[in-house]
Amino acid sequence: MKVGTIKIITGIEYITTTAEIDAVIDAINKQAKIVRSAEAAKKKAVLSVGDRVTINGKKNKNTEGVISRMKVKRAIVRCKNDQGATVLWDCPFSILEAV
């Protein structure tokens, strides 16, 4: 563990009210949103229309496809389903990996 992580964990022991807990949860949620946005921006920078990608989602584990359209926060990915039909998935950049 990093030193900062240890300080945070030991600091949690001093929380004594629900208001303090709510403030900590709010701060964590805001930071999580910033981190997720930065990670998605990094992936979007290396992906483009026509790239082959793997979708690593809960329902679509390791489904391969081709990016057909890029939006601000998501990409439209053309994939084949189990029956061989072409389907379009609207995927956040965070679950896409370049092949």
Protein backbone atom coordinates (compact mmCIF):
# COMPACT_ATOMS: atom_id res chain seq x y z
CA MET A 1 0.00 0.00 0.00
CA LYS A 2 1.05 3.56 -0.64
CA VAL A 3 1.75 5.89 2.27
CA GLY A 4 -1.22 8.10 1.35
CA THR A 5 -3.55 5.12 1.35
CA ILE A 6 -2.40 4.12 4.82
CA LYS A 7 -3.01 7.67 6.09
CA ILE A 8 -6.53 7.64 4.68
CA ILE A 9 -7.32 4.27 6.22
CA THR A 10 -6.03 5.29 9.64
CA GLY A 11 -7.86 8.62 9.37
CA ILE A 12 -11.19 6.83 8.90
CA GLU A 13 -10.92 5.63 12.50
CA TYR A 14 -11.44 9.22 13.68
CA ILE A 15 -14.80 9.70 11.93
CA THR A 16 -17.45 10.00 14.63
CA THR A 17 -20.60 11.37 12.96
CA THR A 18 -22.75 10.48 9.99
CA ALA A 19 -22.18 13.99 8.64
CA GLU A 20 -18.44 13.28 8.49
CA ILE A 21 -19.11 9.94 6.80
CA ASP A 22 -21.34 11.65 4.23
CA ALA A 23 -18.62 14.24 3.53
CA VAL A 24 -16.02 11.51 3.00
CA ILE A 25 -18.33 9.52 0.71
CA ASP A 26 -19.08 12.67 -1.31
CA ALA A 27 -15.36 13.40 -1.71
CA ILE A 28 -14.63 9.82 -2.78
CA ASN A 29 -17.46 9.87 -5.34
CA LYS A 30 -16.21 13.15 -6.83
CA GLN A 31 -12.65 11.82 -7.08
CA ALA A 32 -13.88 8.54 -8.61
CA LYS A 33 -15.70 10.51 -11.31
CA ILE A 34 -12.52 12.46 -12.11
CA VAL A 35 -10.40 9.28 -12.28
CA ARG A 36 -12.94 7.47 -14.51
CA SER A 37 -13.14 10.45 -16.86
CA ALA A 38 -9.35 10.61 -17.15
CA GLU A 39 -9.10 6.87 -17.88
CA ALA A 40 -11.85 7.10 -20.52
CA ALA A 41 -10.12 10.09 -22.15
CA LYS A 42 -6.86 8.12 -22.39
CA LYS A 43 -8.63 5.22 -24.10
CA LYS A 44 -10.53 7.54 -26.44
CA ALA A 45 -7.26 9.17 -27.50
CA VAL A 46 -5.84 5.86 -28.78
CA LEU A 47 -9.04 4.53 -30.40
CA SER A 48 -10.64 5.60 -33.68
CA VAL A 49 -13.35 4.54 -36.12
CA GLY A 50 -12.43 1.25 -37.79
CA ASP A 51 -10.30 -0.05 -34.92
CA ARG A 52 -10.82 -3.64 -33.79
CA VAL A 53 -11.65 -3.77 -30.09
CA THR A 54 -12.60 -6.21 -27.37
CA ILE A 55 -15.57 -5.35 -25.17
CA ASN A 56 -14.86 -6.28 -21.56
CA GLY A 57 -18.31 -5.73 -20.05
CA LYS A 58 -20.39 -7.67 -17.56
CA LYS A 59 -22.73 -9.12 -20.18
CA ASN A 60 -20.34 -9.16 -23.14
CA LYS A 61 -17.18 -10.74 -21.84
CA ASN A 62 -14.41 -10.50 -24.42
CA THR A 63 -16.67 -9.82 -27.39
CA GLU A 64 -14.71 -8.56 -30.41
CA GLY A 65 -15.97 -5.91 -32.77
CA VAL A 66 -15.12 -2.85 -34.85
CA ILE A 67 -15.76 0.75 -33.83
CA SER A 68 -18.24 2.22 -36.29
CA ARG A 69 -18.84 5.58 -34.58
CA MET A 70 -17.24 7.58 -31.77
CA LYS A 71 -19.34 9.82 -29.55
CA VAL A 72 -18.26 12.08 -26.69
CA LYS A 73 -18.27 9.42 -23.95
CA ARG A 74 -19.16 6.23 -25.80
CA ALA A 75 -18.45 4.31 -29.00
CA ILE A 76 -20.80 2.36 -31.26
CA VAL A 77 -19.21 -1.06 -31.80
CA ARG A 78 -20.35 -3.48 -34.52
CA CYS A 79 -20.19 -7.10 -33.29
CA LYS A 80 -21.47 -10.52 -34.26
CA ASN A 81 -23.80 -12.27 -31.82
CA ASP A 82 -23.99 -16.02 -31.15
CA GLN A 83 -26.30 -16.54 -34.13
CA GLY A 84 -23.93 -14.69 -36.48
CA ALA A 85 -26.11 -11.59 -36.85
CA THR A 86 -24.51 -8.16 -36.71
CA VAL A 87 -25.42 -6.12 -33.62
CA LEU A 88 -24.44 -2.62 -32.51
CA TRP A 89 -23.34 -2.01 -28.95
CA ASP A 90 -23.19 1.47 -27.40
CA CYS A 91 -20.15 1.04 -25.15
CA PRO A 92 -18.35 3.38 -22.75
CA PHE A 93 -14.66 3.76 -23.58
CA SER A 94 -13.73 2.31 -20.21
CA ILE A 95 -14.74 -1.23 -21.25
CA LEU A 96 -13.00 -1.19 -24.65
CA GLU A 97 -9.55 -2.59 -25.31
CA ALA A 98 -7.71 -2.31 -28.64
CA VAL A 99 -6.96 -5.65 -30.32
